[in-house]
Protein backbone atom coordinates (compact mmCIF):
# COMPACT_ATOMS: atom_id res chain seq x y z
CA MET A 1 72.28 -16.34 -37.54
CA LYS A 2 76.36 -16.18 -38.08
CA ILE A 3 76.62 -14.05 -35.56
CA MET A 4 75.02 -16.44 -32.92
CA LYS A 5 77.64 -18.86 -34.06
CA THR A 6 80.51 -16.66 -33.47
CA ILE A 7 78.95 -15.62 -29.55
CA LEU A 8 78.73 -19.05 -29.28
CA THR A 9 82.04 -19.96 -30.44
CA VAL A 10 83.17 -17.05 -28.15
CA TRP A 11 81.93 -18.32 -25.21
CA VAL A 12 83.06 -22.26 -25.90
CA ILE A 13 86.87 -20.96 -25.97
CA ILE A 14 86.58 -18.28 -22.53
CA GLY A 15 84.94 -21.51 -20.82
CA VAL A 16 87.57 -23.71 -22.23
CA ILE A 17 90.71 -20.87 -20.91
CA THR A 18 88.50 -20.62 -17.49
CA THR A 19 88.48 -24.00 -16.98
CA GLY A 20 92.68 -24.33 -17.67
CA VAL A 21 92.99 -20.89 -14.83
CA CYS A 22 91.13 -22.84 -12.67
CA ALA A 23 93.05 -25.96 -12.97
CA SER A 24 96.43 -24.17 -13.47
CA ALA A 25 95.75 -22.07 -10.25
CA GLN A 26 94.85 -25.06 -8.41
CA ASN A 27 98.25 -26.96 -9.12
CA ARG A 28 101.24 -24.37 -9.42
CA ASP A 29 100.29 -20.98 -8.08
CA GLN A 30 103.69 -18.90 -8.04
CA GLY A 31 100.87 -15.28 -7.47
CA THR A 32 98.17 -13.45 -9.08
CA GLY A 33 98.70 -10.45 -10.44
CA VAL A 34 97.01 -7.22 -11.25
CA GLY A 35 98.08 -4.27 -13.28
CA ILE A 36 98.00 -1.64 -16.26
CA GLN A 37 98.70 -2.36 -19.56
CA PHE A 38 99.60 -0.03 -21.92
CA GLY A 39 99.63 -1.27 -26.39
CA TYR A 40 98.32 -3.46 -29.12
CA PRO A 41 95.42 -4.59 -28.95
CA GLY A 42 93.78 -1.13 -27.08
CA ASN A 43 95.35 1.59 -26.45
CA VAL A 44 94.63 1.18 -22.02
CA GLY A 45 93.97 -2.10 -19.87
CA LEU A 46 93.87 -4.06 -17.40
CA SER A 47 96.04 -7.33 -16.48
CA LEU A 48 95.56 -10.14 -14.89
CA ARG A 49 97.62 -13.53 -14.29
CA PHE A 50 97.06 -15.80 -12.54
CA ASP A 51 100.66 -18.40 -12.20
CA GLN A 52 100.92 -19.43 -16.30
CA ILE A 53 97.49 -17.81 -17.36
CA ALA A 54 97.81 -13.83 -18.65
CA LEU A 55 94.45 -12.26 -18.60
CA GLY A 56 94.20 -8.38 -20.17
CA ALA A 57 91.49 -5.98 -20.92
CA ALA A 58 91.97 -3.38 -23.24
CA TRP A 59 89.80 -0.36 -24.93
CA ARG A 60 90.91 1.72 -27.42
CA LEU A 61 89.51 5.24 -26.80
CA GLY A 62 87.64 7.46 -29.70
CA ASP A 63 85.86 6.51 -32.52
CA ASN A 64 82.95 4.26 -30.98
CA GLY A 65 85.79 2.28 -28.67
CA TYR A 66 86.41 -1.10 -28.90
CA LEU A 67 87.54 -3.46 -26.00
CA HIS A 68 90.01 -6.19 -26.69
CA LEU A 69 90.17 -8.89 -24.68
CA THR A 70 93.05 -11.15 -24.43
CA ALA A 71 93.81 -15.12 -23.01
CA ASP A 72 97.52 -16.75 -23.46
CA TYR A 73 98.49 -19.43 -21.46
CA TRP A 74 102.11 -19.29 -21.25
CA LEU A 75 103.31 -23.08 -21.96
CA LEU A 76 107.67 -22.25 -20.89
CA LYS A 77 108.02 -19.86 -19.04
CA LYS A 78 112.16 -19.86 -18.03
CA LYS A 79 114.72 -18.14 -16.55
CA LEU A 80 116.81 -15.70 -18.70
CA VAL A 81 118.57 -14.35 -15.45
CA LYS A 82 118.07 -12.91 -11.55
CA ASN A 83 114.93 -11.47 -11.52
CA VAL A 84 113.97 -11.94 -15.55
CA ASP A 85 112.25 -14.97 -17.49
CA TRP A 86 110.47 -15.69 -20.43
CA TYR A 87 107.09 -16.17 -21.82
CA LEU A 88 105.98 -18.29 -24.66
CA GLY A 89 102.41 -19.35 -25.21
CA PRO A 90 98.82 -20.01 -27.31
CA GLY A 91 96.26 -17.46 -26.97
CA VAL A 92 93.43 -15.40 -28.60
CA ASN A 93 92.27 -12.13 -28.93
CA ILE A 94 88.85 -11.32 -28.89
CA GLY A 95 88.04 -8.15 -30.34
CA ILE A 96 84.09 -6.59 -29.21
CA GLY A 97 82.64 -3.77 -31.00
CA ASP A 98 82.47 -3.11 -34.67
CA PRO A 99 83.81 -5.54 -36.65
CA PHE A 100 84.11 -8.20 -34.25
CA ILE A 101 86.79 -10.24 -33.91
CA LEU A 102 88.33 -13.42 -33.11
CA GLY A 103 92.32 -14.01 -33.26
CA VAL A 104 94.98 -16.69 -31.88
CA ARG A 105 98.49 -15.61 -31.01
CA LEU A 106 101.75 -16.11 -29.61
CA PRO A 107 102.72 -14.02 -27.62
CA ILE A 108 106.66 -14.03 -26.32
CA GLY A 109 107.11 -11.91 -23.66
CA LEU A 110 110.02 -10.87 -21.04
CA GLN A 111 109.32 -10.57 -17.17
CA TRP A 112 110.93 -8.76 -14.34
CA MET A 113 110.46 -9.13 -10.48
CA PRO A 114 112.43 -6.12 -9.60
CA ALA A 115 110.66 -6.31 -5.61
CA LYS A 116 108.96 -9.65 -4.03
CA GLN A 117 104.99 -7.82 -5.28
CA LEU A 118 106.50 -6.18 -8.46
CA GLU A 119 106.55 -7.31 -12.00
CA ILE A 120 107.21 -5.59 -14.52
CA PHE A 121 106.88 -6.86 -18.39
CA GLY A 122 106.39 -6.49 -21.91
CA GLU A 123 105.45 -9.00 -24.93
CA LEU A 124 105.52 -9.35 -28.96
CA ALA A 125 102.54 -11.68 -30.11
CA PRO A 126 102.13 -12.45 -33.70
CA CYS A 127 98.12 -13.09 -34.06
CA PHE A 128 96.44 -14.09 -36.96
CA TYR A 129 92.28 -13.09 -37.24
CA LEU A 130 89.89 -15.68 -38.37
CA LEU A 131 86.86 -13.54 -39.03
CA LYS A 132 85.38 -11.66 -41.54
CA GLU A 133 88.62 -11.71 -42.89
CA THR A 134 91.66 -13.39 -42.51
CA LYS A 135 94.68 -11.28 -41.68
CA PHE A 136 98.02 -11.65 -39.03
CA ASP A 137 99.16 -8.82 -36.82
CA VAL A 138 101.28 -8.33 -34.34
CA ASN A 139 100.34 -7.27 -30.65
CA ALA A 140 102.70 -4.91 -28.65
CA ALA A 141 101.88 -4.59 -25.39
CA ILE A 142 104.34 -3.63 -21.36
CA GLY A 143 102.57 -3.13 -18.46
CA ILE A 144 102.85 -3.37 -14.45
CA ARG A 145 101.64 -5.66 -12.04
CA TYR A 146 100.99 -5.74 -8.68
CA ILE A 147 101.68 -9.30 -6.99
CA LEU A 148 99.05 -10.28 -3.98
């Protein structure tokens, strides 16, 4: 029964984030990006960005494998220098495997646009895990996205 409650909670969170993605994309579309990311959580994975919403799906190879999903909303996104922005905003980290994990995170990152349709990014995200045991960790990733 406890696992069902956890699964329901995750689906509610995903629903709220999806609603935010749709509303944000309609109001301030700065481009949709698709690419690849490397780092933790996971080893290598898919990276998507819809304006100020960043989504990641990464899998850890070895053992039995493990799928990490992240969803972040950049509340702040400001120009640092020409073609370089920094961002900060809340997010969630969901781990599907054994054990199932759910965490809240606060990524802060840099976004470099060396060309009109190319984005290179790097971020650190302090994360507080909520299920099974509560613990603090830091997620980190670098990646590249093609802007559609």
